[in-house]
Amino acid sequence: VSCMGAQPLARAVRSLARPVASLAKTHSQTKVWGIHTLFPHRTPAISLAFHSYRSLQTQSVDDGQDRLTADQVFAAGSLSFQHGDNDAAEKLFAEALVLNPMHGRSLLQLGIIEQSKGNAEKAETLFRAATTDTSMPADIRANAYFNLGCTLSDHGDKSEAIDLLLKAVELDAKHHHAHTELGRIYNARGETSDARSHFESALQIEPNHTEAQTPLAMLLVQGSKADLQRALTMLESLAQNSTSAETFCALGFAQLVAGHDVAGVTLLKKALALEPNHTASLCHLGTFNWLAKGDHGSAQKLLRQAVESDPNHVEAHIMLITFYRDGLRQKALAQKQFQQLEALAPSHPWVQQHGRDLRS
């Protein structure tokens, strides 16, 4: 895994923590700074963290220590975080970094907070720094790699994301979320065998992990009759207590593949009632209207809406291109749409397979 050196990381982390650290009094003025100096009007959650913090402070003095350790300050921050007070948690995690600029658990939690704010660049810096703390337990360090991998994946760097997520699995073989994310990335790249393997691994670890069940079922639908039946069983079970468009879409698609057209269309429409711009449902319904009903007008409208609803959805582009080329016999439209797909996913197997024809 490509990582920054320890010193540049430390400088980057200090720059992120500086606005919070500036609130602290110096050690010569007081032993510690904490919630009681920052939050004069405490909520119950902050009050709980405050008592924990003061207890640690007292214990520190009793033990003859000059000041709290980064681990102790992190523990108080974690208590605030668990009770939903991110502001208090953020300040305490930042103080932990003043005590130890490369404290991995504080870096990880600050990264999660920055990620929740939509600050991907800051989150990436913090997660990357957290991965360098080899003193952390393997499962927590795996979480740092996982979060960094997801952040990069969300912003287009799939190759490094895969390396990071594989490192997470290496550190924690039971990290089912990492397996699921790997499955998603491989699936989006058209590498369905690897995708299926990681979804299966996730479910071996956590059999009820719905985030792996639905995409695995979609892959099974395209396999043998036994795979299709397994997919139907899995999805029907999920749909019993579901309000998810994704679940009803997957079950609707499976029903269509099984030849149950009425049930399949009903389920796809239910998915769209829940989420009107659900990309996969628009794709499946548009394709059905084209191939089974010969309704080119409706098909074009739905497939174009699918691409517009998610311009990064590779399968939506593929279906629209295929419709333009084979349905409408409009190669110029297909070629224009193919240019967008090739820019989006140049290494996708479908692009490699059909590129020569659609470029000429």
Protein backbone atom coordinates (compact mmCIF):
# COMPACT_ATOMS: atom_id res chain seq x y z
CA VAL A 1 0.00 0.00 0.00
CA SER A 2 1.35 3.37 -0.98
CA CYS A 3 1.50 5.60 2.09
CA MET A 4 3.00 8.97 2.98
CA GLY A 5 5.99 8.97 5.28
CA ALA A 6 5.44 9.32 9.02
CA GLN A 7 6.75 12.90 9.24
CA PRO A 8 4.61 14.35 6.40
CA LEU A 9 1.61 12.52 7.84
CA ALA A 10 2.29 13.91 11.29
CA ARG A 11 2.49 17.43 9.87
CA ALA A 12 -0.76 16.95 7.93
CA VAL A 13 -2.53 15.62 11.00
CA ARG A 14 -1.25 18.45 13.18
CA SER A 15 -2.59 20.97 10.66
CA LEU A 16 -6.02 19.34 10.87
CA ALA A 17 -6.00 19.28 14.67
CA ARG A 18 -4.53 22.78 15.17
CA PRO A 19 -7.85 24.72 15.22
CA VAL A 20 -9.09 22.52 18.05
CA ALA A 21 -5.78 22.26 19.86
CA SER A 22 -5.60 26.06 20.05
CA LEU A 23 -8.53 25.96 22.45
CA ALA A 24 -6.46 24.16 25.05
CA LYS A 25 -4.62 25.82 27.88
CA THR A 26 -0.93 25.02 28.11
CA HIS A 27 0.25 22.32 30.49
CA SER A 28 1.91 24.94 32.69
CA GLN A 29 -1.48 26.55 33.29
CA THR A 30 -3.49 23.44 34.02
CA LYS A 31 -3.00 19.68 34.02
CA VAL A 32 -5.56 19.03 31.27
CA TRP A 33 -8.20 20.75 29.22
CA GLY A 34 -11.47 19.06 28.51
CA ILE A 35 -15.20 19.16 28.25
CA HIS A 36 -15.70 21.32 31.32
CA THR A 37 -13.70 24.21 29.79
CA LEU A 38 -15.29 23.91 26.35
CA PHE A 39 -18.93 23.21 27.11
CA PRO A 40 -20.31 25.29 30.01
CA HIS A 41 -23.86 24.10 29.20
CA ARG A 42 -23.54 20.35 29.07
CA THR A 43 -26.07 17.95 27.55
CA PRO A 44 -26.59 14.62 29.36
CA ALA A 45 -24.31 12.87 26.84
CA ILE A 46 -21.57 15.44 27.32
CA SER A 47 -22.07 15.27 31.07
CA LEU A 48 -21.50 11.51 30.94
CA ALA A 49 -18.27 11.97 29.00
CA PHE A 50 -17.30 14.80 31.34
CA HIS A 51 -17.61 12.58 34.42
CA SER A 52 -15.59 9.89 32.69
CA TYR A 53 -12.95 12.43 31.77
CA ARG A 54 -12.74 13.87 35.28
CA SER A 55 -12.53 10.37 36.71
CA LEU A 56 -9.56 9.65 34.45
CA GLN A 57 -8.06 13.01 35.44
CA THR A 58 -8.33 12.13 39.12
CA GLN A 59 -6.92 8.65 38.50
CA SER A 60 -3.99 10.22 36.63
CA VAL A 61 -3.15 12.44 39.60
CA ASP A 62 -3.55 9.55 42.05
CA ASP A 63 -1.13 7.50 39.95
CA GLY A 64 1.42 10.28 40.08
CA GLN A 65 1.12 11.17 36.38
CA ASP A 66 1.54 14.75 35.18
CA ARG A 67 -1.10 14.44 32.49
CA LEU A 68 -3.50 12.07 30.84
CA THR A 69 -2.31 9.76 28.09
CA ALA A 70 -3.62 9.84 24.52
CA ASP A 71 -5.40 6.53 25.20
CA GLN A 72 -7.25 8.02 28.18
CA VAL A 73 -8.35 11.14 26.30
CA PHE A 74 -9.39 8.94 23.37
CA ALA A 75 -11.56 6.87 25.75
CA ALA A 76 -13.44 10.00 26.84
CA GLY A 77 -13.85 11.03 23.20
CA SER A 78 -15.20 7.61 22.32
CA LEU A 79 -17.84 7.94 25.02
CA SER A 80 -19.01 11.24 23.51
CA PHE A 81 -18.98 9.71 20.03
CA GLN A 82 -21.05 6.73 21.15
CA HIS A 83 -23.66 9.10 22.58
CA GLY A 84 -23.90 11.06 19.36
CA ASP A 85 -21.98 14.18 20.40
CA ASN A 86 -19.52 14.48 17.55
CA ASP A 87 -18.45 18.01 18.52
CA ALA A 88 -17.27 16.91 21.95
CA ALA A 89 -15.70 13.76 20.51
CA GLU A 90 -13.85 15.70 17.82
CA LYS A 91 -12.25 18.03 20.36
CA LEU A 92 -11.13 15.16 22.57
CA PHE A 93 -9.74 13.12 19.69
CA ALA A 94 -7.84 16.22 18.60
CA GLU A 95 -6.39 16.61 22.11
CA ALA A 96 -5.30 12.98 22.00
CA LEU A 97 -3.36 13.85 18.85
CA VAL A 98 -1.68 16.75 20.66
CA LEU A 99 -0.43 14.17 23.16
CA ASN A 100 0.45 11.65 20.43
CA PRO A 101 0.26 12.97 16.84
CA MET A 102 0.13 9.45 15.38
CA HIS A 103 -2.46 7.96 17.76
CA GLY A 104 -4.15 5.59 15.33
CA ARG A 105 -7.54 5.22 16.97
CA SER A 106 -7.98 9.00 17.28
CA LEU A 107 -6.95 9.43 13.66
CA LEU A 108 -9.45 6.78 12.60
CA GLN A 109 -12.34 8.32 14.54
CA LEU A 110 -11.54 11.83 13.34
CA GLY A 111 -11.50 10.45 9.81
CA ILE A 112 -14.97 8.99 10.31
CA ILE A 113 -16.22 12.35 11.60
CA GLU A 114 -14.69 14.21 8.64
CA GLN A 115 -16.20 11.64 6.28
CA SER A 116 -19.64 12.25 7.81
CA LYS A 117 -19.18 15.95 7.07
CA GLY A 118 -18.38 15.21 3.45
CA ASN A 119 -14.71 16.21 3.83
CA ALA A 120 -13.27 13.34 1.80
CA GLU A 121 -9.78 14.80 1.42
CA LYS A 122 -9.34 15.33 5.18
CA ALA A 123 -10.83 11.91 5.88
CA GLU A 124 -8.38 10.28 3.46
CA THR A 125 -5.40 11.98 5.15
CA LEU A 126 -6.56 10.84 8.59
CA PHE A 127 -7.36 7.27 7.54
CA ARG A 128 -4.02 6.97 5.74
CA ALA A 129 -2.21 8.16 8.85
CA ALA A 130 -4.16 5.70 11.02
CA THR A 131 -2.96 2.75 8.92
CA THR A 132 0.63 3.50 9.95
CA ASP A 133 -0.02 2.92 13.68
CA THR A 134 1.20 -0.65 13.99
CA SER A 135 0.57 -0.60 17.74
CA MET A 136 -3.21 -0.82 17.16
CA PRO A 137 -4.91 -4.24 17.37
CA ALA A 138 -5.15 -5.89 13.95
CA ASP A 139 -8.95 -5.61 13.72
CA ILE A 140 -8.91 -1.85 14.42
CA ARG A 141 -6.09 -1.30 11.95
CA ALA A 142 -8.16 -3.28 9.46
CA ASN A 143 -10.95 -0.73 9.97
CA ALA A 144 -8.51 2.05 9.04
CA TYR A 145 -7.64 0.26 5.79
CA PHE A 146 -11.33 -0.43 5.16
CA ASN A 147 -12.38 3.20 5.61
CA LEU A 148 -9.50 4.45 3.48
CA GLY A 149 -10.37 1.92 0.77
CA CYS A 150 -14.03 2.95 0.75
CA THR A 151 -13.11 6.64 0.59
CA LEU A 152 -10.86 6.08 -2.43
CA SER A 153 -13.40 3.81 -4.10
CA ASP A 154 -16.10 6.45 -3.75
CA HIS A 155 -13.85 8.95 -5.51
CA GLY A 156 -12.80 6.76 -8.39
CA ASP A 157 -9.49 5.17 -7.36
CA LYS A 158 -10.66 1.57 -7.57
CA SER A 159 -7.23 -0.04 -7.99
CA GLU A 160 -5.73 1.32 -4.76
CA ALA A 161 -9.08 0.76 -3.04
CA ILE A 162 -8.83 -2.96 -3.86
CA ASP A 163 -5.28 -3.14 -2.44
CA LEU A 164 -6.40 -1.43 0.77
CA LEU A 165 -9.48 -3.60 1.22
CA LEU A 166 -7.44 -6.75 0.64
CA LYS A 167 -5.08 -5.52 3.36
CA ALA A 168 -8.10 -5.08 5.66
CA VAL A 169 -9.10 -8.70 5.02
CA GLU A 170 -5.50 -9.83 5.60
CA LEU A 171 -5.48 -8.12 9.00
CA ASP A 172 -8.99 -9.26 9.93
CA ALA A 173 -10.20 -12.35 8.07
CA LYS A 174 -13.71 -11.83 9.49
CA HIS A 175 -14.16 -8.31 8.14
CA HIS A 176 -17.35 -9.00 6.18
CA HIS A 177 -17.80 -5.34 5.26
CA ALA A 178 -14.43 -5.36 3.47
CA HIS A 179 -15.41 -8.50 1.56
CA THR A 180 -18.70 -6.85 0.57
CA GLU A 181 -17.00 -3.69 -0.66
CA LEU A 182 -14.52 -5.78 -2.65
CA GLY A 183 -17.46 -7.63 -4.19
CA ARG A 184 -19.07 -4.34 -5.22
CA ILE A 185 -15.90 -3.02 -6.84
CA TYR A 186 -15.19 -6.24 -8.73
CA ASN A 187 -18.82 -6.42 -9.83
CA ALA A 188 -18.72 -2.85 -11.16
CA ARG A 189 -15.57 -3.75 -13.09
CA GLY A 190 -17.30 -6.74 -14.66
CA GLU A 191 -15.10 -9.22 -12.77
CA THR A 192 -18.05 -11.30 -11.66
CA SER A 193 -16.13 -14.36 -10.49
CA ASP A 194 -14.11 -12.35 -7.96
CA ALA A 195 -17.23 -10.41 -6.99
CA ARG A 196 -19.16 -13.58 -6.27
CA SER A 197 -16.26 -15.01 -4.25
CA HIS A 198 -16.13 -11.99 -1.95
CA PHE A 199 -19.91 -11.78 -1.51
CA GLU A 200 -19.91 -15.49 -0.60
CA SER A 201 -17.08 -14.88 1.90
CA ALA A 202 -19.02 -12.03 3.51
CA LEU A 203 -22.06 -14.26 3.96
CA GLN A 204 -20.01 -17.11 5.38
CA ILE A 205 -18.91 -14.69 8.09
CA GLU A 206 -22.28 -12.94 8.53
CA PRO A 207 -25.12 -14.97 6.95
CA ASN A 208 -27.72 -12.19 7.34
CA HIS A 209 -25.62 -9.40 5.85
CA THR A 210 -28.17 -7.98 3.41
CA GLU A 211 -25.65 -5.71 1.69
CA ALA A 212 -23.96 -8.84 0.36
CA GLN A 213 -27.10 -10.94 -0.13
CA THR A 214 -28.77 -8.74 -2.75
CA PRO A 215 -25.78 -8.26 -5.11
CA LEU A 216 -24.87 -11.95 -4.76
CA ALA A 217 -28.42 -12.89 -5.72
CA MET A 218 -28.16 -10.69 -8.82
CA LEU A 219 -25.05 -12.61 -9.85
CA LEU A 220 -26.69 -15.97 -9.12
CA VAL A 221 -29.62 -15.05 -11.37
CA GLN A 222 -27.22 -15.10 -14.31
CA GLY A 223 -25.90 -18.57 -13.45
CA SER A 224 -27.34 -22.08 -13.52
CA LYS A 225 -30.94 -23.10 -12.76
CA ALA A 226 -29.82 -24.08 -9.28
CA ASP A 227 -28.22 -20.64 -8.83
CA LEU A 228 -31.43 -18.97 -10.03
CA GLN A 229 -33.52 -20.94 -7.54
CA ARG A 230 -31.11 -20.05 -4.74
CA ALA A 231 -31.38 -16.39 -5.73
CA LEU A 232 -35.19 -16.51 -5.71
CA THR A 233 -35.25 -18.16 -2.28
CA MET A 234 -32.79 -15.63 -0.88
CA LEU A 235 -34.60 -12.61 -2.31
CA GLU A 236 -38.11 -13.77 -1.38
CA SER A 237 -36.91 -14.10 2.20
CA LEU A 238 -35.40 -10.63 2.14
CA ALA A 239 -38.50 -9.08 0.58
CA GLN A 240 -40.81 -10.28 3.36
CA ASN A 241 -39.76 -7.48 5.73
CA SER A 242 -38.17 -5.08 3.27
CA THR A 243 -38.96 -1.55 2.16
CA SER A 244 -35.86 -1.41 -0.03
CA ALA A 245 -36.15 -0.64 -3.74
CA GLU A 246 -32.93 -2.62 -4.25
CA THR A 247 -34.48 -5.81 -2.86
CA PHE A 248 -37.68 -5.57 -4.90
CA CYS A 249 -35.68 -4.73 -8.01
CA ALA A 250 -33.47 -7.79 -7.59
CA LEU A 251 -36.45 -10.06 -6.93
CA GLY A 252 -38.31 -8.58 -9.91
CA PHE A 253 -35.34 -9.22 -12.19
CA ALA A 254 -35.03 -12.80 -10.89
CA GLN A 255 -38.73 -13.40 -11.57
CA LEU A 256 -38.32 -12.13 -15.15
CA VAL A 257 -35.37 -14.43 -15.73
CA ALA A 258 -37.43 -17.32 -14.32
CA GLY A 259 -40.18 -16.51 -16.86
CA HIS A 260 -42.64 -14.98 -14.40
CA ASP A 261 -43.25 -11.78 -16.34
CA VAL A 262 -46.29 -10.45 -14.47
CA ALA A 263 -44.70 -10.95 -11.04
CA GLY A 264 -41.40 -9.50 -12.27
CA VAL A 265 -42.92 -6.33 -13.72
CA THR A 266 -45.07 -5.83 -10.61
CA LEU A 267 -42.00 -6.01 -8.38
CA LEU A 268 -39.99 -3.62 -10.57
CA LYS A 269 -42.84 -1.12 -10.46
CA LYS A 270 -42.98 -1.50 -6.70
CA ALA A 271 -39.27 -0.70 -6.54
CA LEU A 272 -39.85 2.42 -8.64
CA ALA A 273 -42.76 3.45 -6.43
CA LEU A 274 -40.35 3.37 -3.49
CA GLU A 275 -37.56 5.09 -5.41
CA PRO A 276 -38.66 6.68 -8.72
CA ASN A 277 -35.12 7.04 -10.07
CA HIS A 278 -33.85 3.62 -9.02
CA THR A 279 -31.37 3.01 -11.82
CA ALA A 280 -31.36 -0.79 -11.97
CA SER A 281 -35.17 -0.98 -11.92
CA LEU A 282 -35.38 1.51 -14.78
CA CYS A 283 -32.86 -0.58 -16.72
CA HIS A 284 -34.66 -3.88 -16.19
CA LEU A 285 -38.11 -2.49 -16.94
CA GLY A 286 -36.87 -0.64 -20.01
CA THR A 287 -35.14 -3.74 -21.34
CA PHE A 288 -38.26 -5.83 -20.71
CA ASN A 289 -40.44 -3.32 -22.58
CA TRP A 290 -38.02 -3.48 -25.51
CA LEU A 291 -37.39 -7.23 -25.74
CA ALA A 292 -40.67 -8.71 -24.48
CA LYS A 293 -43.19 -6.08 -25.57
CA GLY A 294 -41.49 -4.38 -28.49
CA ASP A 295 -42.34 -1.00 -26.98
CA HIS A 296 -39.37 1.04 -28.18
CA GLY A 297 -40.78 4.39 -27.02
CA SER A 298 -41.19 3.30 -23.42
CA ALA A 299 -37.89 1.43 -23.49
CA GLN A 300 -35.94 4.45 -24.69
CA LYS A 301 -37.55 6.71 -22.10
CA LEU A 302 -36.77 4.33 -19.21
CA LEU A 303 -33.21 3.52 -20.32
CA ARG A 304 -32.34 7.17 -20.82
CA GLN A 305 -33.81 7.98 -17.41
CA ALA A 306 -31.64 5.23 -15.93
CA VAL A 307 -28.45 6.80 -17.30
CA GLU A 308 -29.53 10.28 -16.25
CA SER A 309 -30.37 9.09 -12.73
CA ASP A 310 -26.84 7.69 -12.29
CA PRO A 311 -24.30 8.70 -14.95
CA ASN A 312 -21.73 6.36 -13.33
CA HIS A 313 -23.87 3.24 -13.61
CA VAL A 314 -21.98 1.10 -16.14
CA GLU A 315 -24.81 -1.37 -16.80
CA ALA A 316 -27.23 1.46 -17.56
CA HIS A 317 -24.88 2.76 -20.26
CA ILE A 318 -24.43 -0.76 -21.67
CA MET A 319 -28.19 -1.35 -21.95
CA LEU A 320 -28.83 2.03 -23.57
CA ILE A 321 -26.00 1.46 -26.08
CA THR A 322 -27.32 -2.02 -26.86
CA PHE A 323 -30.83 -0.65 -27.33
CA TYR A 324 -29.62 2.09 -29.69
CA ARG A 325 -27.55 -0.39 -31.71
CA ASP A 326 -29.81 -3.46 -31.80
CA GLY A 327 -33.23 -2.04 -31.04
CA LEU A 328 -33.38 1.25 -32.90
CA ARG A 329 -30.56 0.35 -35.34
CA GLN A 330 -29.09 3.78 -34.69
CA LYS A 331 -25.34 3.17 -34.67
CA ALA A 332 -24.49 6.88 -34.42
CA LEU A 333 -26.45 7.16 -31.16
CA ALA A 334 -24.83 3.97 -29.89
CA GLN A 335 -21.35 5.30 -30.70
CA LYS A 336 -22.01 8.60 -28.97
CA GLN A 337 -23.21 6.80 -25.83
CA PHE A 338 -20.25 4.42 -26.04
CA GLN A 339 -17.84 7.36 -25.82
CA GLN A 340 -19.31 8.21 -22.42
CA LEU A 341 -19.04 4.60 -21.26
CA GLU A 342 -15.45 4.26 -22.44
CA ALA A 343 -14.46 7.40 -20.54
CA LEU A 344 -16.20 6.01 -17.45
CA ALA A 345 -14.92 2.40 -17.53
CA PRO A 346 -12.22 1.90 -20.18
CA SER A 347 -11.10 -1.49 -18.82
CA HIS A 348 -14.57 -3.00 -18.41
CA PRO A 349 -14.81 -6.37 -20.25
CA TRP A 350 -17.88 -5.25 -22.24
CA VAL A 351 -16.03 -2.15 -23.44
CA GLN A 352 -13.06 -4.27 -24.48
CA GLN A 353 -15.29 -6.75 -26.27
CA HIS A 354 -17.44 -4.27 -28.21
CA GLY A 355 -15.08 -1.35 -28.54
CA ARG A 356 -13.77 -2.12 -32.03
CA ASP A 357 -17.26 -2.25 -33.53
CA LEU A 358 -18.53 0.86 -31.74
CA ARG A 359 -15.47 3.00 -32.46
CA SER A 360 -15.61 2.38 -36.22
